[in-house]
Amino acid sequence: MDFQAYLDVFGRILNSTVPEAPYDNAAYLDYTKLNWSRMNRWLKKGELSGQLIEAAKNISQPQQWIVITEPWCGDAAHSVPFIQLAVELNPLISVDYELRDSEPFRINDYLTGGSKSIPKLIICDGQGADLATWGPRPVECQTLFDRLKAENADFETQKTALQHWYNADKGQSVQAELAAILEAL
């Protein structure tokens, strides 16, 4: 699906009087509401770095980007907007959004430490061969997450700490990492 279709999925979930699983669970629905707000904030107020703008504009051969995500994913709410804003800079980049928990279940081919962590960005050449992958979160944020897990921090503590990290970072890390990948290609 394209980005508008992904936004439409959000809308159907948020406007449903009888949400489907997992959104029939109040926590998942609350995550999705927060993520809608966060994602739209970044889409409106997030500023792309000069490095990412240049790297995206310098792509000279067609690329297919695949973003595996879900509306309930907090990490995606902070990363997907910057990925989408980068895509919009160059007509040689096409993007397809896939839901992790729906067919084609591509995430099974891109596990992170054995888990189906999202978001996951797969960058392919014009023939569909993988050039690079990124995700599920910036390296520094992943380090924080790993430390909290090692300390057996509860889910609420993890969620709050990551949210604070993303707010302070303002999308700079995901942009720097994405720019570095594109420059290396």
N, C-alpha and C. Protein backbone atom coordinates (compact mmCIF):
# COMPACT_ATOMS: atom_id res chain seq x y z
N MET A 1 0.84 -1.18 0.00
CA MET A 1 0.00 0.00 0.00
C MET A 1 0.88 1.24 0.00
N ASP A 2 0.36 2.32 -0.52
CA ASP A 2 1.11 3.56 -0.49
C ASP A 2 0.88 4.25 0.87
N PHE A 3 1.50 5.41 1.06
CA PHE A 3 1.42 6.08 2.36
C PHE A 3 -0.01 6.51 2.67
N GLN A 4 -0.75 6.98 1.67
CA GLN A 4 -2.13 7.38 1.92
C GLN A 4 -2.96 6.19 2.38
N ALA A 5 -2.74 5.03 1.79
CA ALA A 5 -3.47 3.83 2.21
C ALA A 5 -3.11 3.46 3.65
N TYR A 6 -1.85 3.65 4.02
CA TYR A 6 -1.44 3.40 5.41
C TYR A 6 -2.16 4.36 6.34
N LEU A 7 -2.25 5.63 5.96
CA LEU A 7 -2.99 6.60 6.78
C LEU A 7 -4.47 6.21 6.86
N ASP A 8 -5.00 5.68 5.77
CA ASP A 8 -6.39 5.24 5.77
C ASP A 8 -6.61 4.08 6.74
N VAL A 9 -5.62 3.19 6.85
CA VAL A 9 -5.71 2.10 7.83
C VAL A 9 -5.84 2.69 9.23
N PHE A 10 -4.99 3.66 9.55
CA PHE A 10 -5.09 4.36 10.83
C PHE A 10 -6.51 4.89 11.03
N GLY A 11 -7.02 5.59 10.02
CA GLY A 11 -8.34 6.20 10.12
C GLY A 11 -9.44 5.19 10.38
N ARG A 12 -9.39 4.06 9.68
CA ARG A 12 -10.41 3.02 9.89
C ARG A 12 -10.36 2.50 11.32
N ILE A 13 -9.15 2.31 11.84
CA ILE A 13 -9.00 1.83 13.21
C ILE A 13 -9.56 2.85 14.20
N LEU A 14 -9.17 4.10 14.02
CA LEU A 14 -9.56 5.14 14.97
C LEU A 14 -11.04 5.49 14.89
N ASN A 15 -11.66 5.28 13.74
CA ASN A 15 -13.07 5.64 13.58
C ASN A 15 -14.03 4.46 13.70
N SER A 16 -13.50 3.27 13.94
CA SER A 16 -14.34 2.09 14.03
C SER A 16 -15.11 2.06 15.35
N THR A 17 -16.38 1.74 15.27
CA THR A 17 -17.17 1.59 16.50
C THR A 17 -16.92 0.23 17.14
N VAL A 18 -16.50 -0.74 16.33
CA VAL A 18 -16.16 -2.07 16.84
C VAL A 18 -14.81 -2.46 16.24
N PRO A 19 -13.71 -2.00 16.86
CA PRO A 19 -12.38 -2.28 16.29
C PRO A 19 -12.06 -3.78 16.23
N GLU A 20 -11.33 -4.14 15.18
CA GLU A 20 -10.87 -5.52 15.03
C GLU A 20 -9.65 -5.73 15.91
N ALA A 21 -9.33 -7.00 16.17
CA ALA A 21 -8.13 -7.34 16.94
C ALA A 21 -6.91 -6.85 16.19
N PRO A 22 -5.88 -6.36 16.83
CA PRO A 22 -5.72 -6.25 18.28
C PRO A 22 -6.30 -4.95 18.86
N TYR A 23 -6.95 -4.16 18.02
CA TYR A 23 -7.40 -2.83 18.45
C TYR A 23 -8.66 -2.89 19.31
N ASP A 24 -9.23 -4.08 19.46
CA ASP A 24 -10.32 -4.27 20.40
C ASP A 24 -9.79 -4.27 21.84
N ASN A 25 -8.47 -4.38 21.98
CA ASN A 25 -7.80 -4.23 23.28
C ASN A 25 -7.57 -2.73 23.48
N ALA A 26 -8.09 -2.19 24.59
CA ALA A 26 -8.03 -0.75 24.83
C ALA A 26 -6.61 -0.21 24.77
N ALA A 27 -5.64 -0.98 25.24
CA ALA A 27 -4.25 -0.50 25.23
C ALA A 27 -3.77 -0.29 23.79
N TYR A 28 -4.06 -1.24 22.90
CA TYR A 28 -3.63 -1.11 21.51
C TYR A 28 -4.31 0.08 20.85
N LEU A 29 -5.56 0.28 21.16
CA LEU A 29 -6.27 1.42 20.59
C LEU A 29 -5.69 2.73 21.10
N ASP A 30 -5.35 2.78 22.38
CA ASP A 30 -4.72 3.97 22.94
C ASP A 30 -3.36 4.23 22.30
N TYR A 31 -2.55 3.17 22.10
CA TYR A 31 -1.25 3.33 21.43
C TYR A 31 -1.46 3.93 20.04
N THR A 32 -2.46 3.43 19.34
CA THR A 32 -2.71 3.88 17.98
C THR A 32 -3.12 5.35 17.96
N LYS A 33 -3.94 5.76 18.90
CA LYS A 33 -4.33 7.17 18.99
C LYS A 33 -3.11 8.05 19.24
N LEU A 34 -2.26 7.64 20.17
CA LEU A 34 -1.03 8.40 20.45
C LEU A 34 -0.13 8.43 19.23
N ASN A 35 0.01 7.30 18.58
CA ASN A 35 0.90 7.22 17.42
C ASN A 35 0.39 8.06 16.25
N TRP A 36 -0.92 8.14 16.08
CA TRP A 36 -1.50 9.00 15.05
C TRP A 36 -1.08 10.44 15.30
N SER A 37 -1.20 10.86 16.55
CA SER A 37 -0.84 12.23 16.93
C SER A 37 0.66 12.48 16.74
N ARG A 38 1.48 11.55 17.20
CA ARG A 38 2.93 11.70 17.09
C ARG A 38 3.36 11.74 15.64
N MET A 39 2.83 10.81 14.85
CA MET A 39 3.23 10.74 13.45
C MET A 39 2.85 12.03 12.72
N ASN A 40 1.65 12.51 12.95
CA ASN A 40 1.21 13.75 12.29
C ASN A 40 2.01 14.95 12.75
N ARG A 41 2.43 14.94 14.01
CA ARG A 41 3.28 16.04 14.49
C ARG A 41 4.59 16.05 13.72
N TRP A 42 5.21 14.89 13.54
CA TRP A 42 6.48 14.85 12.80
C TRP A 42 6.27 15.20 11.34
N LEU A 43 5.17 14.76 10.75
CA LEU A 43 4.91 15.07 9.35
C LEU A 43 4.74 16.57 9.14
N LYS A 44 4.18 17.26 10.12
CA LYS A 44 3.95 18.70 10.00
C LYS A 44 5.15 19.53 10.45
N LYS A 45 5.82 19.09 11.51
CA LYS A 45 6.85 19.93 12.13
C LYS A 45 8.26 19.37 12.03
N GLY A 46 8.39 18.13 11.60
CA GLY A 46 9.71 17.53 11.49
C GLY A 46 10.49 18.17 10.35
N GLU A 47 11.70 18.54 10.63
CA GLU A 47 12.53 19.16 9.59
C GLU A 47 13.61 18.17 9.16
N LEU A 48 13.69 17.97 7.86
CA LEU A 48 14.71 17.07 7.35
C LEU A 48 16.07 17.75 7.40
N SER A 49 17.06 16.95 7.73
CA SER A 49 18.43 17.45 7.78
C SER A 49 18.95 17.67 6.37
N GLY A 50 19.89 18.57 6.25
CA GLY A 50 20.53 18.80 4.96
C GLY A 50 21.19 17.54 4.42
N GLN A 51 21.77 16.76 5.32
CA GLN A 51 22.44 15.52 4.92
C GLN A 51 21.45 14.54 4.29
N LEU A 52 20.28 14.37 4.90
CA LEU A 52 19.30 13.43 4.36
C LEU A 52 18.71 13.97 3.06
N ILE A 53 18.43 15.25 3.01
CA ILE A 53 17.90 15.85 1.77
C ILE A 53 18.86 15.60 0.62
N GLU A 54 20.12 15.89 0.84
CA GLU A 54 21.12 15.69 -0.22
C GLU A 54 21.25 14.22 -0.60
N ALA A 55 21.29 13.34 0.39
CA ALA A 55 21.45 11.91 0.10
C ALA A 55 20.26 11.38 -0.70
N ALA A 56 19.06 11.79 -0.33
CA ALA A 56 17.87 11.32 -1.05
C ALA A 56 17.83 11.88 -2.46
N LYS A 57 18.15 13.16 -2.59
CA LYS A 57 18.11 13.78 -3.93
C LYS A 57 19.20 13.24 -4.85
N ASN A 58 20.28 12.71 -4.28
CA ASN A 58 21.39 12.19 -5.08
C ASN A 58 21.16 10.77 -5.59
N ILE A 59 20.06 10.14 -5.20
CA ILE A 59 19.76 8.81 -5.74
C ILE A 59 19.51 8.97 -7.24
N SER A 60 20.27 8.21 -8.04
CA SER A 60 20.19 8.39 -9.49
C SER A 60 19.64 7.17 -10.22
N GLN A 61 19.37 6.09 -9.49
CA GLN A 61 18.78 4.89 -10.07
C GLN A 61 17.52 4.54 -9.28
N PRO A 62 16.53 3.95 -9.92
CA PRO A 62 15.30 3.61 -9.20
C PRO A 62 15.56 2.72 -7.98
N GLN A 63 14.85 3.04 -6.92
CA GLN A 63 14.89 2.23 -5.71
C GLN A 63 13.46 1.96 -5.26
N GLN A 64 13.25 0.78 -4.72
CA GLN A 64 11.97 0.40 -4.11
C GLN A 64 12.21 0.28 -2.61
N TRP A 65 11.50 1.08 -1.84
CA TRP A 65 11.60 1.00 -0.39
C TRP A 65 10.36 0.29 0.13
N ILE A 66 10.58 -0.63 1.04
CA ILE A 66 9.48 -1.34 1.69
C ILE A 66 9.57 -1.01 3.18
N VAL A 67 8.47 -0.52 3.72
CA VAL A 67 8.41 -0.20 5.15
C VAL A 67 7.43 -1.17 5.79
N ILE A 68 7.93 -1.97 6.71
CA ILE A 68 7.08 -2.89 7.45
C ILE A 68 6.78 -2.24 8.79
N THR A 69 5.50 -2.11 9.09
CA THR A 69 5.09 -1.34 10.26
C THR A 69 3.72 -1.80 10.74
N GLU A 70 3.22 -1.14 11.76
CA GLU A 70 1.86 -1.32 12.27
C GLU A 70 1.45 -0.03 12.96
N PRO A 71 0.18 0.34 12.91
CA PRO A 71 -0.27 1.57 13.57
C PRO A 71 -0.05 1.59 15.08
N TRP A 72 -0.02 0.43 15.73
CA TRP A 72 0.18 0.39 17.18
C TRP A 72 1.63 0.60 17.60
N CYS A 73 2.56 0.61 16.65
CA CYS A 73 3.99 0.63 16.97
C CYS A 73 4.49 2.04 17.29
N GLY A 74 4.92 2.24 18.52
CA GLY A 74 5.42 3.53 18.96
C GLY A 74 6.69 3.94 18.24
N ASP A 75 7.60 3.01 18.01
CA ASP A 75 8.83 3.35 17.29
C ASP A 75 8.52 3.83 15.88
N ALA A 76 7.55 3.20 15.24
CA ALA A 76 7.18 3.59 13.88
C ALA A 76 6.65 5.02 13.83
N ALA A 77 5.91 5.41 14.85
CA ALA A 77 5.33 6.76 14.86
C ALA A 77 6.41 7.84 14.81
N HIS A 78 7.60 7.51 15.28
CA HIS A 78 8.70 8.47 15.32
C HIS A 78 9.65 8.34 14.13
N SER A 79 9.62 7.22 13.42
CA SER A 79 10.56 7.00 12.31
C SER A 79 9.91 7.07 10.94
N VAL A 80 8.74 6.47 10.80
CA VAL A 80 8.07 6.40 9.50
C VAL A 80 7.88 7.79 8.87
N PRO A 81 7.49 8.82 9.64
CA PRO A 81 7.32 10.13 8.99
C PRO A 81 8.58 10.63 8.30
N PHE A 82 9.74 10.42 8.91
CA PHE A 82 10.99 10.89 8.30
C PHE A 82 11.35 10.05 7.08
N ILE A 83 11.05 8.77 7.13
CA ILE A 83 11.26 7.93 5.95
C ILE A 83 10.38 8.42 4.81
N GLN A 84 9.10 8.67 5.11
CA GLN A 84 8.17 9.14 4.07
C GLN A 84 8.59 10.50 3.52
N LEU A 85 9.00 11.40 4.38
CA LEU A 85 9.45 12.73 3.91
C LEU A 85 10.66 12.60 2.99
N ALA A 86 11.55 11.65 3.28
CA ALA A 86 12.72 11.42 2.42
C ALA A 86 12.28 10.86 1.07
N VAL A 87 11.33 9.92 1.08
CA VAL A 87 10.82 9.32 -0.15
C VAL A 87 10.30 10.41 -1.09
N GLU A 88 9.61 11.39 -0.52
CA GLU A 88 8.97 12.43 -1.32
C GLU A 88 9.97 13.36 -2.01
N LEU A 89 11.24 13.25 -1.68
CA LEU A 89 12.26 14.12 -2.27
C LEU A 89 12.74 13.68 -3.65
N ASN A 90 12.48 12.42 -4.00
CA ASN A 90 13.06 11.91 -5.24
C ASN A 90 12.07 10.97 -5.94
N PRO A 91 11.67 11.29 -7.16
CA PRO A 91 10.72 10.43 -7.87
C PRO A 91 11.29 9.06 -8.24
N LEU A 92 12.59 8.87 -8.09
CA LEU A 92 13.18 7.55 -8.35
C LEU A 92 12.97 6.58 -7.19
N ILE A 93 12.45 7.09 -6.08
CA ILE A 93 12.17 6.23 -4.93
C ILE A 93 10.67 5.92 -4.92
N SER A 94 10.35 4.65 -4.99
CA SER A 94 8.95 4.24 -4.79
C SER A 94 8.89 3.53 -3.44
N VAL A 95 7.76 3.60 -2.78
CA VAL A 95 7.65 3.02 -1.44
C VAL A 95 6.38 2.22 -1.32
N ASP A 96 6.48 1.14 -0.59
CA ASP A 96 5.33 0.28 -0.31
C ASP A 96 5.31 0.04 1.19
N TYR A 97 4.16 0.27 1.80
CA TYR A 97 3.98 0.02 3.23
C TYR A 97 3.29 -1.32 3.40
N GLU A 98 3.84 -2.14 4.28
CA GLU A 98 3.25 -3.45 4.57
C GLU A 98 3.02 -3.54 6.07
N LEU A 99 1.91 -4.14 6.45
CA LEU A 99 1.63 -4.37 7.86
C LEU A 99 2.33 -5.65 8.30
N ARG A 100 3.02 -5.57 9.40
CA ARG A 100 3.78 -6.72 9.90
C ARG A 100 2.90 -7.94 10.10
N ASP A 101 1.69 -7.72 10.61
CA ASP A 101 0.84 -8.82 11.03
C ASP A 101 -0.16 -9.25 9.96
N SER A 102 0.11 -8.88 8.71
CA SER A 102 -0.74 -9.27 7.58
C SER A 102 0.14 -9.80 6.46
N GLU A 103 -0.49 -10.51 5.53
CA GLU A 103 0.28 -11.01 4.39
C GLU A 103 0.92 -9.85 3.66
N PRO A 104 2.13 -9.97 3.16
CA PRO A 104 2.83 -11.22 2.90
C PRO A 104 3.75 -11.68 4.03
N PHE A 105 3.67 -11.10 5.20
CA PHE A 105 4.49 -11.49 6.36
C PHE A 105 5.99 -11.45 6.03
N ARG A 106 6.38 -10.43 5.29
CA ARG A 106 7.78 -10.27 4.87
C ARG A 106 8.71 -10.13 6.07
N ILE A 107 8.18 -9.66 7.21
CA ILE A 107 9.02 -9.46 8.39
C ILE A 107 9.75 -10.74 8.79
N ASN A 108 9.18 -11.89 8.45
CA ASN A 108 9.82 -13.16 8.79
C ASN A 108 11.20 -13.30 8.13
N ASP A 109 11.42 -12.55 7.06
CA ASP A 109 12.72 -12.58 6.39
C ASP A 109 13.67 -11.50 6.90
N TYR A 110 13.20 -10.65 7.81
CA TYR A 110 14.00 -9.52 8.29
C TYR A 110 13.91 -9.38 9.81
N LEU A 111 14.13 -10.47 10.49
CA LEU A 111 14.05 -10.47 11.95
C LEU A 111 15.20 -9.68 12.55
N THR A 112 14.97 -9.14 13.71
CA THR A 112 16.00 -8.42 14.47
C THR A 112 16.26 -9.22 15.73
N GLY A 113 17.41 -9.86 15.82
CA GLY A 113 17.70 -10.67 16.98
C GLY A 113 16.65 -11.74 17.22
N GLY A 114 16.08 -12.26 16.14
CA GLY A 114 15.08 -13.31 16.25
C GLY A 114 13.66 -12.81 16.45
N SER A 115 13.46 -11.50 16.57
CA SER A 115 12.12 -10.98 16.80
C SER A 115 11.60 -10.19 15.59
N LYS A 116 10.30 -10.01 15.54
CA LYS A 116 9.64 -9.30 14.44
C LYS A 116 9.55 -7.81 14.74
N SER A 117 10.64 -7.23 15.16
CA SER A 117 10.67 -5.82 15.56
C SER A 117 10.45 -4.90 14.36
N ILE A 118 9.63 -3.88 14.59
CA ILE A 118 9.31 -2.90 13.56
C ILE A 118 9.45 -1.50 14.12
N PRO A 119 9.57 -0.51 13.26
CA PRO A 119 9.49 -0.58 11.81
C PRO A 119 10.77 -1.15 11.21
N LYS A 120 10.64 -1.66 10.02
CA LYS A 120 11.78 -2.18 9.28
C LYS A 120 11.72 -1.59 7.88
N LEU A 121 12.80 -0.96 7.47
CA LEU A 121 12.92 -0.41 6.12
C LEU A 121 13.84 -1.31 5.32
N ILE A 122 13.36 -1.72 4.15
CA ILE A 122 14.17 -2.51 3.22
C ILE A 122 14.31 -1.67 1.96
N ILE A 123 15.54 -1.43 1.56
CA ILE A 123 15.81 -0.66 0.35
C ILE A 123 16.29 -1.64 -0.72
N CYS A 124 15.57 -1.66 -1.85
CA CYS A 124 15.89 -2.57 -2.95
C CYS A 124 16.24 -1.76 -4.20
N ASP A 125 17.00 -2.40 -5.07
CA ASP A 125 17.29 -1.75 -6.35
C ASP A 125 16.09 -1.92 -7.28
N GLY A 126 16.21 -1.43 -8.49
CA GLY A 126 15.11 -1.48 -9.46
C GLY A 126 14.69 -2.88 -9.85
N GLN A 127 15.53 -3.87 -9.59
CA GLN A 127 15.20 -5.25 -9.91
C GLN A 127 14.70 -6.01 -8.68
N GLY A 128 14.61 -5.33 -7.54
CA GLY A 128 14.09 -5.97 -6.33
C GLY A 128 15.12 -6.61 -5.43
N ALA A 129 16.40 -6.46 -5.75
CA ALA A 129 17.45 -7.03 -4.89
C ALA A 129 17.70 -6.09 -3.70
N ASP A 130 17.85 -6.69 -2.55
CA ASP A 130 18.10 -5.89 -1.35
C ASP A 130 19.43 -5.16 -1.44
N LEU A 131 19.37 -3.86 -1.12
CA LEU A 131 20.58 -3.05 -1.04
C LEU A 131 20.95 -2.78 0.42
N ALA A 132 19.93 -2.58 1.26
CA ALA A 132 20.18 -2.24 2.67
C ALA A 132 18.89 -2.42 3.46
N THR A 133 19.04 -2.56 4.77
CA THR A 133 17.90 -2.56 5.68
C THR A 133 18.21 -1.64 6.84
N TRP A 134 17.15 -1.16 7.47
CA TRP A 134 17.28 -0.33 8.66
C TRP A 134 16.12 -0.66 9.58
N GLY A 135 16.37 -0.55 10.86
CA GLY A 135 15.31 -0.68 11.85
C GLY A 135 15.64 -1.75 12.87
N PRO A 136 14.88 -1.76 13.91
CA PRO A 136 13.61 -1.11 14.14
C PRO A 136 13.69 0.29 14.77
N ARG A 137 14.86 0.66 15.23
CA ARG A 137 14.99 2.00 15.84
C ARG A 137 16.43 2.45 15.69
N PRO A 138 16.69 3.76 15.85
CA PRO A 138 18.06 4.24 15.76
C PRO A 138 18.97 3.54 16.77
N VAL A 139 20.25 3.44 16.43
CA VAL A 139 21.22 2.69 17.24
C VAL A 139 21.22 3.15 18.70
N GLU A 140 21.26 4.44 18.92
CA GLU A 140 21.30 4.94 20.31
C GLU A 140 20.02 4.56 21.07
N CYS A 141 18.90 4.63 20.42
CA CYS A 141 17.63 4.24 21.03
C CYS A 141 17.60 2.74 21.28
N GLN A 142 18.14 1.97 20.35
CA GLN A 142 18.22 0.51 20.53
C GLN A 142 19.08 0.17 21.72
N THR A 143 20.18 0.90 21.90
CA THR A 143 21.05 0.68 23.05
C THR A 143 20.30 0.92 24.35
N LEU A 144 19.52 2.00 24.39
CA LEU A 144 18.69 2.30 25.55
C LEU A 144 17.69 1.17 25.79
N PHE A 145 17.02 0.74 24.74
CA PHE A 145 16.04 -0.34 24.85
C PHE A 145 16.69 -1.61 25.38
N ASP A 146 17.85 -1.98 24.82
CA ASP A 146 18.55 -3.19 25.25
C ASP A 146 18.95 -3.10 26.72
N ARG A 147 19.41 -1.92 27.15
CA ARG A 147 19.80 -1.74 28.56
C ARG A 147 18.59 -1.90 29.48
N LEU A 148 17.48 -1.30 29.10
CA LEU A 148 16.27 -1.40 29.91
C LEU A 148 15.79 -2.84 30.00
N LYS A 149 15.85 -3.56 28.90
CA LYS A 149 15.46 -4.98 28.92
C LYS A 149 16.38 -5.78 29.81
N ALA A 150 17.69 -5.51 29.74
CA ALA A 150 18.66 -6.22 30.57
C ALA A 150 18.43 -5.93 32.06
N GLU A 151 17.93 -4.75 32.35
CA GLU A 151 17.62 -4.37 33.74
C GLU A 151 16.25 -4.85 34.17
N ASN A 152 15.56 -5.59 33.29
CA ASN A 152 14.20 -6.08 33.56
C ASN A 152 13.22 -4.96 33.88
N ALA A 153 13.40 -3.81 33.21
CA ALA A 153 12.47 -2.70 33.39
C ALA A 153 11.10 -3.12 32.87
N ASP A 154 10.05 -2.70 33.57
CA ASP A 154 8.71 -3.05 33.13
C ASP A 154 8.36 -2.29 31.84
N PHE A 155 7.30 -2.73 31.20
CA PHE A 155 6.92 -2.17 29.90
C PHE A 155 6.67 -0.66 29.98
N GLU A 156 6.01 -0.21 31.02
CA GLU A 156 5.71 1.22 31.16
C GLU A 156 7.00 2.05 31.25
N THR A 157 7.97 1.55 32.00
CA THR A 157 9.26 2.24 32.12
C THR A 157 9.96 2.30 30.77
N GLN A 158 9.96 1.18 30.06
CA GLN A 158 10.59 1.14 28.73
C GLN A 158 9.91 2.13 27.78
N LYS A 159 8.59 2.07 27.74
CA LYS A 159 7.82 2.92 26.84
C LYS A 159 8.07 4.40 27.11
N THR A 160 8.08 4.76 28.39
CA THR A 160 8.29 6.16 28.77
C THR A 160 9.70 6.62 28.42
N ALA A 161 10.68 5.79 28.71
CA ALA A 161 12.08 6.15 28.43
C ALA A 161 12.30 6.32 26.93
N LEU A 162 11.74 5.43 26.13
CA LEU A 162 11.91 5.55 24.67
C LEU A 162 11.20 6.78 24.14
N GLN A 163 10.02 7.07 24.67
CA GLN A 163 9.28 8.26 24.24
C GLN A 163 10.10 9.52 24.53
N HIS A 164 10.68 9.59 25.73
CA HIS A 164 11.51 10.75 26.08
C HIS A 164 12.71 10.86 25.13
N TRP A 165 13.31 9.70 24.82
CA TRP A 165 14.46 9.70 23.91
C TRP A 165 14.04 10.25 22.54
N TYR A 166 12.95 9.73 21.99
CA TYR A 166 12.50 10.19 20.68
C TYR A 166 12.18 11.69 20.68
N ASN A 167 11.52 12.16 21.72
CA ASN A 167 11.18 13.59 21.79
C ASN A 167 12.43 14.46 21.82
N ALA A 168 13.43 14.05 22.58
CA ALA A 168 14.67 14.82 22.67
C ALA A 168 15.47 14.76 21.36
N ASP A 169 15.43 13.62 20.71
CA ASP A 169 16.21 13.42 19.48
C ASP A 169 15.61 14.16 18.28
N LYS A 170 14.32 14.35 18.26
CA LYS A 170 13.62 15.08 17.19
C LYS A 170 13.86 14.51 15.79
N GLY A 171 14.05 13.21 15.70
CA GLY A 171 14.21 12.58 14.40
C GLY A 171 15.60 12.69 13.80
N GLN A 172 16.53 13.27 14.53
CA GLN A 172 17.87 13.48 13.97
C GLN A 172 18.63 12.16 13.76
N SER A 173 18.49 11.23 14.69
CA SER A 173 19.24 9.97 14.56
C SER A 173 18.76 9.12 13.40
N VAL A 174 17.44 8.96 13.25
CA VAL A 174 16.94 8.18 12.13
C VAL A 174 17.37 8.81 10.82
N GLN A 175 17.35 10.13 10.75
CA GLN A 175 17.77 10.81 9.53
C GLN A 175 19.25 10.61 9.25
N ALA A 176 20.08 10.72 10.27
CA ALA A 176 21.53 10.54 10.08
C ALA A 176 21.83 9.11 9.63
N GLU A 177 21.16 8.13 10.24
CA GLU A 177 21.41 6.74 9.88
C GLU A 177 20.92 6.45 8.47
N LEU A 178 19.75 6.98 8.11
CA LEU A 178 19.24 6.78 6.76
C LEU A 178 20.13 7.46 5.73
N ALA A 179 20.57 8.69 6.03
CA ALA A 179 21.47 9.39 5.11
C ALA A 179 22.76 8.60 4.91
N ALA A 180 23.32 8.05 5.99
CA ALA A 180 24.56 7.28 5.88
C ALA A 180 24.36 6.05 5.00
N ILE A 181 23.22 5.40 5.13
CA ILE A 181 22.93 4.24 4.29
C ILE A 181 22.87 4.67 2.82
N LEU A 182 22.14 5.74 2.56
CA LEU A 182 21.99 6.18 1.16
C LEU A 182 23.33 6.63 0.58
N GLU A 183 24.13 7.30 1.37
CA GLU A 183 25.46 7.74 0.89
C GLU A 183 26.35 6.55 0.58
N ALA A 184 26.23 5.49 1.36
CA ALA A 184 27.05 4.29 1.14
C ALA A 184 26.62 3.52 -0.11
N LEU A 185 25.36 3.70 -0.51
CA LEU A 185 24.88 3.00 -1.71
C LEU A 185 25.40 3.67 -2.96
